[in-house]
C-alpha atoms as a PDB file:
ATOM      1  CA  MET A   1     -16.206  30.819 -38.868  1.00  0.00           C
ATOM      2  CA  VAL A   2     -17.752  32.659 -35.930  1.00  0.00           C
ATOM      3  CA  ALA A   3     -19.048  29.378 -34.492  1.00  0.00           C
ATOM      4  CA  VAL A   4     -15.563  27.841 -34.561  1.00  0.00           C
ATOM      5  CA  THR A   5     -14.125  30.900 -32.793  1.00  0.00           C
ATOM      6  CA  VAL A   6     -16.786  30.735 -30.070  1.00  0.00           C
ATOM      7  CA  LEU A   7     -16.187  26.999 -29.667  1.00  0.00           C
ATOM      8  CA  ALA A   8     -12.413  27.560 -29.404  1.00  0.00           C
ATOM      9  CA  LEU A   9     -12.880  30.195 -26.698  1.00  0.00           C
ATOM     10  CA  GLY A  10     -15.207  27.881 -24.754  1.00  0.00           C
ATOM     11  CA  VAL A  11     -12.834  24.927 -24.914  1.00  0.00           C
ATOM     12  CA  THR A  12      -9.873  27.129 -23.940  1.00  0.00           C
ATOM     13  CA  GLY A  13     -11.735  28.128 -20.790  1.00  0.00           C
ATOM     14  CA  LEU A  14     -12.188  24.462 -19.840  1.00  0.00           C
ATOM     15  CA  ALA A  15      -8.503  23.545 -20.317  1.00  0.00           C
ATOM     16  CA  PRO A  16      -7.351  24.301 -16.717  1.00  0.00           C
ATOM     17  CA  LEU A  17     -10.219  22.218 -15.332  1.00  0.00           C
ATOM     18  CA  MET A  18      -9.322  19.288 -17.597  1.00  0.00           C
ATOM     19  CA  VAL A  19      -5.640  19.482 -16.630  1.00  0.00           C
ATOM     20  CA  SER A  20      -6.405  19.485 -12.896  1.00  0.00           C
ATOM     21  CA  GLN A  21      -8.798  16.569 -13.339  1.00  0.00           C
ATOM     22  CA  ALA A  22      -6.139  14.617 -15.233  1.00  0.00           C
ATOM     23  CA  ARG A  23      -3.625  15.225 -12.421  1.00  0.00           C
ATOM     24  CA  ARG A  24      -6.120  14.019  -9.825  1.00  0.00           C
ATOM     25  CA  SER A  25      -6.847  10.945 -11.882  1.00  0.00           C
ATOM     26  CA  VAL A  26      -3.143  10.060 -12.107  1.00  0.00           C
ATOM     27  CA  GLU A  27      -2.684  10.547  -8.360  1.00  0.00           C
ATOM     28  CA  THR A  28      -5.751   8.418  -7.600  1.00  0.00           C
ATOM     29  CA  SER A  29      -4.423   5.584  -9.737  1.00  0.00           C
ATOM     30  CA  ARG A  30      -1.036   5.791  -7.973  1.00  0.00           C
ATOM     31  CA  VAL A  31      -2.747   5.600  -4.583  1.00  0.00           C
ATOM     32  CA  ALA A  32      -4.637   2.523  -5.786  1.00  0.00           C
ATOM     33  CA  LEU A  33      -1.348   0.937  -6.898  1.00  0.00           C
ATOM     34  CA  ARG A  34       0.224   1.745  -3.514  1.00  0.00           C
ATOM     35  CA  ASN A  35      -2.740   0.151  -1.739  1.00  0.00           C
ATOM     36  CA  ALA A  36      -2.429  -2.955  -3.928  1.00  0.00           C
ATOM     37  CA  ALA A  37       1.268  -3.192  -3.082  1.00  0.00           C
ATOM     38  CA  MET A  38       0.459  -2.810   0.611  1.00  0.00           C
ATOM     39  CA  ALA A  39      -2.159  -5.557   0.412  1.00  0.00           C
ATOM     40  CA  SER A  40       0.245  -7.862  -1.415  1.00  0.00           C
ATOM     41  CA  VAL A  41       3.044  -7.499   1.143  1.00  0.00           C
ATOM     42  CA  SER A  42       0.609  -7.732   4.074  1.00  0.00           C
ATOM     43  CA  ARG A  43      -1.054 -10.884   2.742  1.00  0.00           C
ATOM     44  CA  ARG A  44       2.314 -12.529   2.200  1.00  0.00           C
ATOM     45  CA  LEU A  45       3.329 -11.813   5.795  1.00  0.00           C
ATOM     46  CA  ALA A  46      -0.077 -12.832   7.142  1.00  0.00           C
ATOM     47  CA  VAL A  47       0.300 -16.361   5.770  1.00  0.00           C
ATOM     48  CA  THR A  48       3.955 -16.735   6.728  1.00  0.00           C
ATOM     49  CA  GLY A  49       4.417 -19.227   9.541  1.00  0.00           C
ATOM     50  CA  TYR A  50       4.577 -17.783  13.051  1.00  0.00           C
ATOM     51  CA  THR A  51       7.902 -19.436  13.803  1.00  0.00           C
ATOM     52  CA  THR A  52       9.532 -18.089  10.634  1.00  0.00           C
ATOM     53  CA  LEU A  53       8.797 -14.453  11.569  1.00  0.00           C
ATOM     54  CA  VAL A  54      12.065 -13.341  13.134  1.00  0.00           C
ATOM     55  CA  ALA A  55      12.154 -10.128  15.168  1.00  0.00           C
ATOM     56  CA  GLY A  56      13.845  -7.297  13.261  1.00  0.00           C
ATOM     57  CA  THR A  57      13.447  -5.097  10.198  1.00  0.00           C
ATOM     58  CA  THR A  58      13.639  -6.237   6.584  1.00  0.00           C
ATOM     59  CA  CYS A  59      13.484  -4.004   3.495  1.00  0.00           C
ATOM     60  CA  ARG A  60      13.108  -4.937  -0.144  1.00  0.00           C
ATOM     61  CA  SER A  61      12.648  -2.840  -3.253  1.00  0.00           C
ATOM     62  CA  TYR A  62      10.385  -3.878  -6.101  1.00  0.00           C
ATOM     63  CA  SER A  63      11.145  -2.477  -9.555  1.00  0.00           C
ATOM     64  CA  ASN A  64       7.743  -3.001 -11.118  1.00  0.00           C
ATOM     65  CA  ALA A  65       7.329  -1.118 -14.408  1.00  0.00           C
ATOM     66  CA  THR A  66       4.001   0.428 -13.406  1.00  0.00           C
ATOM     67  CA  PHE A  67       4.729   1.193  -9.755  1.00  0.00           C
ATOM     68  CA  PRO A  68       8.246   0.800  -8.306  1.00  0.00           C
ATOM     69  CA  TYR A  69       8.261   0.848  -4.496  1.00  0.00           C
ATOM     70  CA  ALA A  70      10.172  -0.180  -1.389  1.00  0.00           C
ATOM     71  CA  ALA A  71       8.538  -2.309   1.285  1.00  0.00           C
ATOM     72  CA  CYS A  72       9.943  -2.526   4.802  1.00  0.00           C
ATOM     73  CA  TYR A  73       8.467  -4.635   7.540  1.00  0.00           C
ATOM     74  CA  THR A  74       9.315  -4.827  11.204  1.00  0.00           C
ATOM     75  CA  VAL A  75       8.525  -7.812  13.382  1.00  0.00           C
ATOM     76  CA  SER A  76       8.492  -7.201  17.131  1.00  0.00           C
ATOM     77  CA  THR A  77       7.740  -9.704  19.850  1.00  0.00           C
ATOM     78  CA  VAL A  78       4.911  -8.465  22.075  1.00  0.00           C
ATOM     79  CA  SER A  79       4.699 -11.593  24.234  1.00  0.00           C
ATOM     80  CA  THR A  80       5.553 -15.258  23.961  1.00  0.00           C
ATOM     81  CA  THR A  81       2.436 -15.881  21.892  1.00  0.00           C
ATOM     82  CA  VAL A  82       2.051 -12.571  19.995  1.00  0.00           C
ATOM     83  CA  LYS A  83       4.204 -10.894  17.355  1.00  0.00           C
ATOM     84  CA  ARG A  84       3.396  -7.484  15.870  1.00  0.00           C
ATOM     85  CA  VAL A  85       4.152  -6.939  12.180  1.00  0.00           C
ATOM     86  CA  THR A  86       4.391  -3.362  10.840  1.00  0.00           C
ATOM     87  CA  VAL A  87       4.589  -2.890   7.065  1.00  0.00           C
ATOM     88  CA  VAL A  88       5.627   0.385   5.377  1.00  0.00           C
ATOM     89  CA  VAL A  89       5.289   0.802   1.596  1.00  0.00           C
ATOM     90  CA  THR A  90       7.163   3.785   0.140  1.00  0.00           C
ATOM     91  CA  PRO A  91       6.685   4.713  -3.545  1.00  0.00           C
ATOM     92  CA  ALA A  92      10.029   5.031  -5.343  1.00  0.00           C
ATOM     93  CA  VAL A  93       9.412   7.624  -8.060  1.00  0.00           C
ATOM     94  CA  THR A  94       6.095   9.232  -7.239  1.00  0.00           C
ATOM     95  CA  PRO A  95       6.601  12.029  -4.726  1.00  0.00           C
ATOM     96  CA  THR A  96       2.909  12.924  -4.750  1.00  0.00           C
ATOM     97  CA  VAL A  97       1.925   9.672  -3.034  1.00  0.00           C
ATOM     98  CA  LYS A  98       2.817   9.384   0.646  1.00  0.00           C
ATOM     99  CA  PRO A  99       4.131   6.200   2.237  1.00  0.00           C
ATOM    100  CA  ASP A 100       1.524   4.015   3.909  1.00  0.00           C
ATOM    101  CA  THR A 101       1.767   1.886   7.044  1.00  0.00           C
ATOM    102  CA  VAL A 102      -0.247  -1.039   8.371  1.00  0.00           C
ATOM    103  CA  SER A 103       0.223  -3.062  11.572  1.00  0.00           C
ATOM    104  CA  PHE A 104      -1.254  -6.386  12.574  1.00  0.00           C
ATOM    105  CA  ASN A 105      -0.677  -9.001  15.241  1.00  0.00           C
ATOM    106  CA  ARG A 106       0.184 -12.637  14.649  1.00  0.00           C
ATOM    107  CA  LEU A 107      -0.732 -15.234  17.245  1.00  0.00           C
ATOM    108  CA  ASN A 108       1.135 -18.461  17.845  1.00  0.00           C
ATOM    109  CA  PRO A 109      -1.369 -21.134  16.764  1.00  0.00           C
ATOM    110  CA  ALA A 110       0.230 -23.738  19.045  1.00  0.00           C
ATOM    111  CA  ALA A 111      -0.407 -21.589  22.142  1.00  0.00           C
ATOM    112  CA  ALA A 112      -3.739 -20.107  21.065  1.00  0.00           C
ATOM    113  CA  TYR A 113      -6.998 -21.168  22.657  1.00  0.00           C
ATOM    114  CA  ASN A 114      -8.975 -23.595  20.503  1.00  0.00           C
ATOM    115  CA  PRO A 115     -12.671 -23.824  21.448  1.00  0.00           C
ATOM    116  CA  LEU A 116     -12.981 -27.197  19.692  1.00  0.00           C
ATOM    117  CA  ASN A 117     -10.530 -28.751  22.171  1.00  0.00           C
ATOM    118  CA  TYR A 118     -12.464 -27.548  25.196  1.00  0.00           C
ATOM    119  CA  PRO A 119     -13.483 -30.509  27.421  1.00  0.00           C
END
């Protein structure tokens, strides 16, 4: 009986540590889901044809059961051969995870320099 009481007191002392670790684990998994969503949207825009990227902002919400989020991307024309794409992923129901942003440039393949065509 004394051993059970000592064990109960020891486990009770570890409870706050276990709760904080569980919260961190949940937040880490949400950040991983946000990063996966960011990679998905970015990859889709990276393979989209240069001529189909129209300057402006587009937003879309995804109601995934595990991680609902909104993705907005802005296409801006830097020059005649370069377009800058900025993607923002905002989690819908998880206030502990901050929105994330990534930017990348797309080059017009028709106007780009090709070293194989060099005379």
